[in-house]
Amino acid sequence: MNDKRNDQPPLSRRKLLKAGVGAAGIAAMLGAGVAAANAQVTKKASHKDAGYQESPNGAKRCGTCRQFRPPSSCITVESPISENGWCRLYAGKA
């Protein structure tokens, strides 16, 4: 009988280790990509960096911004902020 398994050289420890290291490397890269995709920015902009001011800029004010969280918080700018304040990161509600 002709067995196809006998036509191929046996799997050596060296080949097995190389395959394992390669698979582990690929798994690590995929895991790092998933972690990076799920990461969220936690550092908020300072009042100075955002150009924050205590008064509105025309009709634009923190109270009408998507990032404002009553009574005095913001997703992107350090608290406290005024509902009547304004900054360069203003994003009007749709």
PDB file of N, CA and C in Angstrom:
ATOM      1  N   MET A   1       0.829  -1.187   0.000  1.00  0.00           N
ATOM      2  CA  MET A   1       0.000   0.000   0.000  1.00  0.00           C
ATOM      3  C   MET A   1       0.871   1.248   0.000  1.00  0.00           C
ATOM      4  N   ASN A   2       0.379   2.234  -0.693  1.00  0.00           N
ATOM      5  CA  ASN A   2       1.106   3.487  -0.775  1.00  0.00           C
ATOM      6  C   ASN A   2       0.405   4.510   0.117  1.00  0.00           C
ATOM      7  N   ASP A   3       1.042   4.865   1.218  1.00  0.00           N
ATOM      8  CA  ASP A   3       0.461   5.819   2.169  1.00  0.00           C
ATOM      9  C   ASP A   3       1.062   7.202   1.903  1.00  0.00           C
ATOM     10  N   LYS A   4       0.216   8.202   1.682  1.00  0.00           N
ATOM     11  CA  LYS A   4       0.695   9.548   1.358  1.00  0.00           C
ATOM     12  C   LYS A   4       1.475  10.166   2.520  1.00  0.00           C
ATOM     13  N   ARG A   5       1.174   9.783   3.733  1.00  0.00           N
ATOM     14  CA  ARG A   5       1.880  10.349   4.878  1.00  0.00           C
ATOM     15  C   ARG A   5       3.356   9.962   4.864  1.00  0.00           C
ATOM     16  N   ASN A   6       3.687   8.859   4.294  1.00  0.00           N
ATOM     17  CA  ASN A   6       5.072   8.418   4.250  1.00  0.00           C
ATOM     18  C   ASN A   6       5.889   9.195   3.233  1.00  0.00           C
ATOM     19  N   ASP A   7       5.247   9.881   2.290  1.00  0.00           N
ATOM     20  CA  ASP A   7       5.956  10.643   1.270  1.00  0.00           C
ATOM     21  C   ASP A   7       6.501  11.965   1.814  1.00  0.00           C
ATOM     22  N   GLN A   8       5.958  12.451   2.926  1.00  0.00           N
ATOM     23  CA  GLN A   8       6.379  13.726   3.482  1.00  0.00           C
ATOM     24  C   GLN A   8       7.325  13.488   4.651  1.00  0.00           C
ATOM     25  N   PRO A   9       8.337  14.371   4.801  1.00  0.00           N
ATOM     26  CA  PRO A   9       9.242  14.213   5.941  1.00  0.00           C
ATOM     27  C   PRO A   9       8.485  14.486   7.242  1.00  0.00           C
ATOM     28  N   PRO A  10       8.911  13.870   8.332  1.00  0.00           N
ATOM     29  CA  PRO A  10       8.221  14.087   9.601  1.00  0.00           C
ATOM     30  C   PRO A  10       8.383  15.538  10.066  1.00  0.00           C
ATOM     31  N   LEU A  11       7.445  15.994  10.837  1.00  0.00           N
ATOM     32  CA  LEU A  11       7.473  17.352  11.381  1.00  0.00           C
ATOM     33  C   LEU A  11       8.521  17.410  12.486  1.00  0.00           C
ATOM     34  N   SER A  12       9.513  18.261  12.311  1.00  0.00           N
ATOM     35  CA  SER A  12      10.572  18.364  13.313  1.00  0.00           C
ATOM     36  C   SER A  12      10.169  19.354  14.403  1.00  0.00           C
ATOM     37  N   ARG A  13      10.861  19.273  15.531  1.00  0.00           N
ATOM     38  CA  ARG A  13      10.598  20.219  16.623  1.00  0.00           C
ATOM     39  C   ARG A  13      10.878  21.646  16.175  1.00  0.00           C
ATOM     40  N   ARG A  14      11.895  21.830  15.367  1.00  0.00           N
ATOM     41  CA  ARG A  14      12.255  23.171  14.901  1.00  0.00           C
ATOM     42  C   ARG A  14      11.120  23.784  14.081  1.00  0.00           C
ATOM     43  N   LYS A  15      10.549  23.014  13.165  1.00  0.00           N
ATOM     44  CA  LYS A  15       9.427  23.504  12.350  1.00  0.00           C
ATOM     45  C   LYS A  15       8.212  23.787  13.221  1.00  0.00           C
ATOM     46  N   LEU A  16       7.973  22.924  14.188  1.00  0.00           N
ATOM     47  CA  LEU A  16       6.839  23.109  15.083  1.00  0.00           C
ATOM     48  C   LEU A  16       6.998  24.383  15.908  1.00  0.00           C
ATOM     49  N   LEU A  17       8.210  24.620  16.435  1.00  0.00           N
ATOM     50  CA  LEU A  17       8.461  25.834  17.213  1.00  0.00           C
ATOM     51  C   LEU A  17       8.328  27.086  16.351  1.00  0.00           C
ATOM     52  N   LYS A  18       8.841  27.050  15.130  1.00  0.00           N
ATOM     53  CA  LYS A  18       8.721  28.208  14.235  1.00  0.00           C
ATOM     54  C   LYS A  18       7.256  28.532  13.955  1.00  0.00           C
ATOM     55  N   ALA A  19       6.474  27.498  13.710  1.00  0.00           N
ATOM     56  CA  ALA A  19       5.051  27.711  13.441  1.00  0.00           C
ATOM     57  C   ALA A  19       4.350  28.279  14.671  1.00  0.00           C
ATOM     58  N   GLY A  20       4.703  27.779  15.849  1.00  0.00           N
ATOM     59  CA  GLY A  20       4.089  28.263  17.089  1.00  0.00           C
ATOM     60  C   GLY A  20       4.436  29.712  17.372  1.00  0.00           C
ATOM     61  N   VAL A  21       5.715  30.068  17.172  1.00  0.00           N
ATOM     62  CA  VAL A  21       6.147  31.450  17.397  1.00  0.00           C
ATOM     63  C   VAL A  21       5.460  32.382  16.404  1.00  0.00           C
ATOM     64  N   GLY A  22       5.354  31.964  15.163  1.00  0.00           N
ATOM     65  CA  GLY A  22       4.670  32.787  14.160  1.00  0.00           C
ATOM     66  C   GLY A  22       3.209  32.997  14.499  1.00  0.00           C
ATOM     67  N   ALA A  23       2.546  31.930  14.922  1.00  0.00           N
ATOM     68  CA  ALA A  23       1.129  32.039  15.288  1.00  0.00           C
ATOM     69  C   ALA A  23       0.953  32.932  16.508  1.00  0.00           C
ATOM     70  N   ALA A  24       1.863  32.821  17.479  1.00  0.00           N
ATOM     71  CA  ALA A  24       1.774  33.663  18.677  1.00  0.00           C
ATOM     72  C   ALA A  24       1.987  35.130  18.319  1.00  0.00           C
ATOM     73  N   GLY A  25       2.913  35.397  17.402  1.00  0.00           N
ATOM     74  CA  GLY A  25       3.155  36.775  16.971  1.00  0.00           C
ATOM     75  C   GLY A  25       1.947  37.381  16.283  1.00  0.00           C
ATOM     76  N   ILE A  26       1.325  36.612  15.429  1.00  0.00           N
ATOM     77  CA  ILE A  26       0.121  37.091  14.733  1.00  0.00           C
ATOM     78  C   ILE A  26      -1.001  37.347  15.732  1.00  0.00           C
ATOM     79  N   ALA A  27      -1.170  36.442  16.683  1.00  0.00           N
ATOM     80  CA  ALA A  27      -2.217  36.616  17.697  1.00  0.00           C
ATOM     81  C   ALA A  27      -1.956  37.867  18.532  1.00  0.00           C
ATOM     82  N   ALA A  28      -0.691  38.125  18.870  1.00  0.00           N
ATOM     83  CA  ALA A  28      -0.353  39.312  19.655  1.00  0.00           C
ATOM     84  C   ALA A  28      -0.653  40.588  18.877  1.00  0.00           C
ATOM     85  N   MET A  29      -0.329  40.603  17.582  1.00  0.00           N
ATOM     86  CA  MET A  29      -0.609  41.789  16.768  1.00  0.00           C
ATOM     87  C   MET A  29      -2.107  42.029  16.636  1.00  0.00           C
ATOM     88  N   LEU A  30      -2.866  40.971  16.453  1.00  0.00           N
ATOM     89  CA  LEU A  30      -4.319  41.121  16.349  1.00  0.00           C
ATOM     90  C   LEU A  30      -4.897  41.623  17.660  1.00  0.00           C
ATOM     91  N   GLY A  31      -4.403  41.106  18.769  1.00  0.00           N
ATOM     92  CA  GLY A  31      -4.875  41.547  20.081  1.00  0.00           C
ATOM     93  C   GLY A  31      -4.556  43.003  20.328  1.00  0.00           C
ATOM     94  N   ALA A  32      -3.367  43.453  19.928  1.00  0.00           N
ATOM     95  CA  ALA A  32      -2.981  44.851  20.102  1.00  0.00           C
ATOM     96  C   ALA A  32      -3.860  45.756  19.250  1.00  0.00           C
ATOM     97  N   GLY A  33      -4.211  45.310  18.055  1.00  0.00           N
ATOM     98  CA  GLY A  33      -5.084  46.102  17.192  1.00  0.00           C
ATOM     99  C   GLY A  33      -6.466  46.267  17.780  1.00  0.00           C
ATOM    100  N   VAL A  34      -6.994  45.213  18.372  1.00  0.00           N
ATOM    101  CA  VAL A  34      -8.312  45.274  19.006  1.00  0.00           C
ATOM    102  C   VAL A  34      -8.261  46.196  20.208  1.00  0.00           C
ATOM    103  N   ALA A  35      -7.194  46.096  21.011  1.00  0.00           N
ATOM    104  CA  ALA A  35      -7.068  46.958  22.185  1.00  0.00           C
ATOM    105  C   ALA A  35      -6.978  48.420  21.770  1.00  0.00           C
ATOM    106  N   ALA A  36      -6.239  48.714  20.712  1.00  0.00           N
ATOM    107  CA  ALA A  36      -6.116  50.090  20.247  1.00  0.00           C
ATOM    108  C   ALA A  36      -7.446  50.612  19.720  1.00  0.00           C
ATOM    109  N   ALA A  37      -8.199  49.769  19.059  1.00  0.00           N
ATOM    110  CA  ALA A  37      -9.496  50.190  18.531  1.00  0.00           C
ATOM    111  C   ALA A  37     -10.481  50.487  19.649  1.00  0.00           C
ATOM    112  N   ASN A  38     -10.360  49.794  20.773  1.00  0.00           N
ATOM    113  CA  ASN A  38     -11.270  49.990  21.891  1.00  0.00           C
ATOM    114  C   ASN A  38     -10.807  51.076  22.853  1.00  0.00           C
ATOM    115  N   ALA A  39      -9.606  51.583  22.671  1.00  0.00           N
ATOM    116  CA  ALA A  39      -9.076  52.599  23.568  1.00  0.00           C
ATOM    117  C   ALA A  39      -9.862  53.895  23.407  1.00  0.00           C
ATOM    118  N   GLN A  40     -10.003  54.601  24.506  1.00  0.00           N
ATOM    119  CA  GLN A  40     -10.699  55.878  24.476  1.00  0.00           C
ATOM    120  C   GLN A  40      -9.788  56.948  25.051  1.00  0.00           C
ATOM    121  N   VAL A  41      -9.902  58.140  24.530  1.00  0.00           N
ATOM    122  CA  VAL A  41      -9.120  59.249  25.036  1.00  0.00           C
ATOM    123  C   VAL A  41      -9.687  59.652  26.386  1.00  0.00           C
ATOM    124  N   THR A  42      -8.814  59.710  27.397  1.00  0.00           N
ATOM    125  CA  THR A  42      -9.291  60.062  28.727  1.00  0.00           C
ATOM    126  C   THR A  42      -8.809  61.439  29.160  1.00  0.00           C
ATOM    127  N   LYS A  43      -7.786  61.991  28.510  1.00  0.00           N
ATOM    128  CA  LYS A  43      -7.276  63.294  28.898  1.00  0.00           C
ATOM    129  C   LYS A  43      -8.080  64.375  28.189  1.00  0.00           C
ATOM    130  N   LYS A  44      -8.612  65.281  28.987  1.00  0.00           N
ATOM    131  CA  LYS A  44      -9.398  66.381  28.426  1.00  0.00           C
ATOM    132  C   LYS A  44      -8.502  67.588  28.173  1.00  0.00           C
ATOM    133  N   ALA A  45      -8.925  68.436  27.269  1.00  0.00           N
ATOM    134  CA  ALA A  45      -8.192  69.661  26.963  1.00  0.00           C
ATOM    135  C   ALA A  45      -8.331  70.641  28.121  1.00  0.00           C
ATOM    136  N   SER A  46      -7.266  71.380  28.373  1.00  0.00           N
ATOM    137  CA  SER A  46      -7.337  72.414  29.404  1.00  0.00           C
ATOM    138  C   SER A  46      -8.164  73.582  28.871  1.00  0.00           C
ATOM    139  N   HIS A  47      -8.590  74.442  29.776  1.00  0.00           N
ATOM    140  CA  HIS A  47      -9.351  75.632  29.357  1.00  0.00           C
ATOM    141  C   HIS A  47      -8.518  76.447  28.365  1.00  0.00           C
ATOM    142  N   LYS A  48      -7.230  76.594  28.656  1.00  0.00           N
ATOM    143  CA  LYS A  48      -6.345  77.395  27.799  1.00  0.00           C
ATOM    144  C   LYS A  48      -6.213  76.764  26.412  1.00  0.00           C
ATOM    145  N   ASP A  49      -5.954  75.453  26.360  1.00  0.00           N
ATOM    146  CA  ASP A  49      -5.775  74.779  25.067  1.00  0.00           C
ATOM    147  C   ASP A  49      -7.047  74.807  24.217  1.00  0.00           C
ATOM    148  N   ALA A  50      -8.205  74.767  24.855  1.00  0.00           N
ATOM    149  CA  ALA A  50      -9.477  74.783  24.127  1.00  0.00           C
ATOM    150  C   ALA A  50      -9.916  76.199  23.777  1.00  0.00           C
ATOM    151  N   GLY A  51      -9.210  77.199  24.300  1.00  0.00           N
ATOM    152  CA  GLY A  51      -9.613  78.579  24.063  1.00  0.00           C
ATOM    153  C   GLY A  51     -10.918  78.903  24.775  1.00  0.00           C
ATOM    154  N   TYR A  52     -11.116  78.280  25.939  1.00  0.00           N
ATOM    155  CA  TYR A  52     -12.370  78.445  26.679  1.00  0.00           C
ATOM    156  C   TYR A  52     -12.514  79.867  27.206  1.00  0.00           C
ATOM    157  N   GLN A  53     -13.741  80.379  27.118  1.00  0.00           N
ATOM    158  CA  GLN A  53     -14.081  81.683  27.695  1.00  0.00           C
ATOM    159  C   GLN A  53     -15.417  81.560  28.413  1.00  0.00           C
ATOM    160  N   GLU A  54     -15.615  82.343  29.427  1.00  0.00           N
ATOM    161  CA  GLU A  54     -16.825  82.276  30.260  1.00  0.00           C
ATOM    162  C   GLU A  54     -18.060  82.852  29.576  1.00  0.00           C
ATOM    163  N   SER A  55     -17.881  83.542  28.460  1.00  0.00           N
ATOM    164  CA  SER A  55     -19.023  84.154  27.775  1.00  0.00           C
ATOM    165  C   SER A  55     -19.247  83.477  26.424  1.00  0.00           C
ATOM    166  N   PRO A  56     -20.484  83.513  25.912  1.00  0.00           N
ATOM    167  CA  PRO A  56     -20.779  82.869  24.628  1.00  0.00           C
ATOM    168  C   PRO A  56     -20.119  83.587  23.457  1.00  0.00           C
ATOM    169  N   ASN A  57     -20.052  82.907  22.334  1.00  0.00           N
ATOM    170  CA  ASN A  57     -19.548  83.480  21.086  1.00  0.00           C
ATOM    171  C   ASN A  57     -20.761  83.614  20.167  1.00  0.00           C
ATOM    172  N   GLY A  58     -21.446  84.725  20.283  1.00  0.00           N
ATOM    173  CA  GLY A  58     -22.699  84.905  19.548  1.00  0.00           C
ATOM    174  C   GLY A  58     -23.725  83.926  20.085  1.00  0.00           C
ATOM    175  N   ALA A  59     -24.339  83.145  19.209  1.00  0.00           N
ATOM    176  CA  ALA A  59     -25.334  82.154  19.627  1.00  0.00           C
ATOM    177  C   ALA A  59     -24.677  80.849  20.086  1.00  0.00           C
ATOM    178  N   LYS A  60     -23.380  80.729  19.870  1.00  0.00           N
ATOM    179  CA  LYS A  60     -22.668  79.508  20.264  1.00  0.00           C
ATOM    180  C   LYS A  60     -22.285  79.587  21.736  1.00  0.00           C
ATOM    181  N   ARG A  61     -22.761  78.605  22.497  1.00  0.00           N
ATOM    182  CA  ARG A  61     -22.433  78.537  23.921  1.00  0.00           C
ATOM    183  C   ARG A  61     -22.432  77.079  24.347  1.00  0.00           C
ATOM    184  N   CYS A  62     -21.769  76.784  25.450  1.00  0.00           N
ATOM    185  CA  CYS A  62     -21.633  75.398  25.914  1.00  0.00           C
ATOM    186  C   CYS A  62     -22.975  74.693  26.065  1.00  0.00           C
ATOM    187  N   GLY A  63     -23.989  75.406  26.506  1.00  0.00           N
ATOM    188  CA  GLY A  63     -25.302  74.804  26.712  1.00  0.00           C
ATOM    189  C   GLY A  63     -25.931  74.259  25.438  1.00  0.00           C
ATOM    190  N   THR A  64     -25.476  74.728  24.271  1.00  0.00           N
ATOM    191  CA  THR A  64     -26.013  74.234  22.996  1.00  0.00           C
ATOM    192  C   THR A  64     -25.017  73.327  22.263  1.00  0.00           C
ATOM    193  N   CYS A  65     -23.983  72.896  22.958  1.00  0.00           N
ATOM    194  CA  CYS A  65     -22.939  72.041  22.378  1.00  0.00           C
ATOM    195  C   CYS A  65     -23.224  70.571  22.686  1.00  0.00           C
ATOM    196  N   ARG A  66     -22.945  69.684  21.732  1.00  0.00           N
ATOM    197  CA  ARG A  66     -23.151  68.238  21.923  1.00  0.00           C
ATOM    198  C   ARG A  66     -22.274  67.667  23.029  1.00  0.00           C
ATOM    199  N   GLN A  67     -21.166  68.312  23.322  1.00  0.00           N
ATOM    200  CA  GLN A  67     -20.209  67.774  24.283  1.00  0.00           C
ATOM    201  C   GLN A  67     -20.487  68.214  25.719  1.00  0.00           C
ATOM    202  N   PHE A  68     -21.394  69.133  25.899  1.00  0.00           N
ATOM    203  CA  PHE A  68     -21.718  69.655  27.231  1.00  0.00           C
ATOM    204  C   PHE A  68     -22.552  68.659  28.014  1.00  0.00           C
ATOM    205  N   ARG A  69     -22.232  68.487  29.297  1.00  0.00           N
ATOM    206  CA  ARG A  69     -22.984  67.628  30.208  1.00  0.00           C
ATOM    207  C   ARG A  69     -23.378  68.458  31.429  1.00  0.00           C
ATOM    208  N   PRO A  70     -24.676  68.779  31.551  1.00  0.00           N
ATOM    209  CA  PRO A  70     -25.134  69.605  32.671  1.00  0.00           C
ATOM    210  C   PRO A  70     -24.772  68.973  34.012  1.00  0.00           C
ATOM    211  N   PRO A  71     -24.545  69.739  35.027  1.00  0.00           N
ATOM    212  CA  PRO A  71     -24.691  71.191  35.059  1.00  0.00           C
ATOM    213  C   PRO A  71     -23.431  71.944  34.636  1.00  0.00           C
ATOM    214  N   SER A  72     -22.226  71.334  34.732  1.00  0.00           N
ATOM    215  CA  SER A  72     -21.019  72.108  34.412  1.00  0.00           C
ATOM    216  C   SER A  72     -19.862  71.231  33.936  1.00  0.00           C
ATOM    217  N   SER A  73     -20.158  70.257  33.090  1.00  0.00           N
ATOM    218  CA  SER A  73     -19.130  69.330  32.629  1.00  0.00           C
ATOM    219  C   SER A  73     -19.120  69.251  31.102  1.00  0.00           C
ATOM    220  N   CYS A  74     -18.005  68.770  30.568  1.00  0.00           N
ATOM    221  CA  CYS A  74     -17.837  68.636  29.123  1.00  0.00           C
ATOM    222  C   CYS A  74     -17.058  67.358  28.834  1.00  0.00           C
ATOM    223  N   ILE A  75     -17.336  66.738  27.710  1.00  0.00           N
ATOM    224  CA  ILE A  75     -16.632  65.519  27.315  1.00  0.00           C
ATOM    225  C   ILE A  75     -15.183  65.821  26.953  1.00  0.00           C
ATOM    226  N   THR A  76     -14.903  66.978  26.356  1.00  0.00           N
ATOM    227  CA  THR A  76     -13.570  67.262  25.831  1.00  0.00           C
ATOM    228  C   THR A  76     -12.773  68.316  26.585  1.00  0.00           C
ATOM    229  N   VAL A  77     -13.419  69.122  27.416  1.00  0.00           N
ATOM    230  CA  VAL A  77     -12.730  70.192  28.141  1.00  0.00           C
ATOM    231  C   VAL A  77     -12.829  69.933  29.638  1.00  0.00           C
ATOM    232  N   GLU A  78     -11.734  70.228  30.349  1.00  0.00           N
ATOM    233  CA  GLU A  78     -11.711  70.040  31.797  1.00  0.00           C
ATOM    234  C   GLU A  78     -12.830  70.834  32.466  1.00  0.00           C
ATOM    235  N   SER A  79     -13.413  70.250  33.480  1.00  0.00           N
ATOM    236  CA  SER A  79     -14.465  70.919  34.251  1.00  0.00           C
ATOM    237  C   SER A  79     -13.817  71.812  35.297  1.00  0.00           C
ATOM    238  N   PRO A  80     -14.515  72.764  35.838  1.00  0.00           N
ATOM    239  CA  PRO A  80     -15.892  73.140  35.535  1.00  0.00           C
ATOM    240  C   PRO A  80     -15.947  74.101  34.353  1.00  0.00           C
ATOM    241  N   ILE A  81     -17.078  74.075  33.685  1.00  0.00           N
ATOM    242  CA  ILE A  81     -17.336  75.036  32.618  1.00  0.00           C
ATOM    243  C   ILE A  81     -18.723  75.622  32.831  1.00  0.00           C
ATOM    244  N   SER A  82     -18.944  76.778  32.267  1.00  0.00           N
ATOM    245  CA  SER A  82     -20.234  77.447  32.390  1.00  0.00           C
ATOM    246  C   SER A  82     -21.134  77.064  31.225  1.00  0.00           C
ATOM    247  N   GLU A  83     -22.413  76.937  31.487  1.00  0.00           N
ATOM    248  CA  GLU A  83     -23.384  76.670  30.425  1.00  0.00           C
ATOM    249  C   GLU A  83     -23.368  77.794  29.391  1.00  0.00           C
ATOM    250  N   ASN A  84     -22.994  78.988  29.829  1.00  0.00           N
ATOM    251  CA  ASN A  84     -22.944  80.146  28.936  1.00  0.00           C
ATOM    252  C   ASN A  84     -21.548  80.396  28.381  1.00  0.00           C
ATOM    253  N   GLY A  85     -20.597  79.494  28.642  1.00  0.00           N
ATOM    254  CA  GLY A  85     -19.243  79.631  28.121  1.00  0.00           C
ATOM    255  C   GLY A  85     -19.166  79.181  26.668  1.00  0.00           C
ATOM    256  N   TRP A  86     -17.948  79.227  26.112  1.00  0.00           N
ATOM    257  CA  TRP A  86     -17.714  78.792  24.738  1.00  0.00           C
ATOM    258  C   TRP A  86     -16.242  78.430  24.582  1.00  0.00           C
ATOM    259  N   CYS A  87     -15.920  77.512  23.653  1.00  0.00           N
ATOM    260  CA  CYS A  87     -14.525  77.203  23.332  1.00  0.00           C
ATOM    261  C   CYS A  87     -14.412  76.842  21.855  1.00  0.00           C
ATOM    262  N   ARG A  88     -13.175  76.697  21.376  1.00  0.00           N
ATOM    263  CA  ARG A  88     -12.930  76.373  19.957  1.00  0.00           C
ATOM    264  C   ARG A  88     -13.394  74.969  19.590  1.00  0.00           C
ATOM    265  N   LEU A  89     -13.660  74.120  20.568  1.00  0.00           N
ATOM    266  CA  LEU A  89     -14.094  72.746  20.307  1.00  0.00           C
ATOM    267  C   LEU A  89     -15.613  72.630  20.229  1.00  0.00           C
ATOM    268  N   TYR A  90     -16.285  73.753  20.159  1.00  0.00           N
ATOM    269  CA  TYR A  90     -17.748  73.782  20.106  1.00  0.00           C
ATOM    270  C   TYR A  90     -18.275  72.931  18.952  1.00  0.00           C
ATOM    271  N   ALA A  91     -19.278  72.106  19.261  1.00  0.00           N
ATOM    272  CA  ALA A  91     -19.943  71.270  18.245  1.00  0.00           C
ATOM    273  C   ALA A  91     -21.443  71.397  18.460  1.00  0.00           C
ATOM    274  N   GLY A  92     -22.088  72.205  17.651  1.00  0.00           N
ATOM    275  CA  GLY A  92     -23.522  72.454  17.803  1.00  0.00           C
ATOM    276  C   GLY A  92     -24.364  71.197  17.690  1.00  0.00           C
ATOM    277  N   LYS A  93     -25.459  71.184  18.419  1.00  0.00           N
ATOM    278  CA  LYS A  93     -26.387  70.048  18.359  1.00  0.00           C
ATOM    279  C   LYS A  93     -27.133  70.083  17.036  1.00  0.00           C
ATOM    280  N   ALA A  94     -27.356  68.919  16.466  1.00  0.00           N
ATOM    281  CA  ALA A  94     -28.058  68.842  15.177  1.00  0.00           C
ATOM    282  C   ALA A  94     -29.548  68.956  15.347  1.00  0.00           C
TER     283      ALA A  94
END
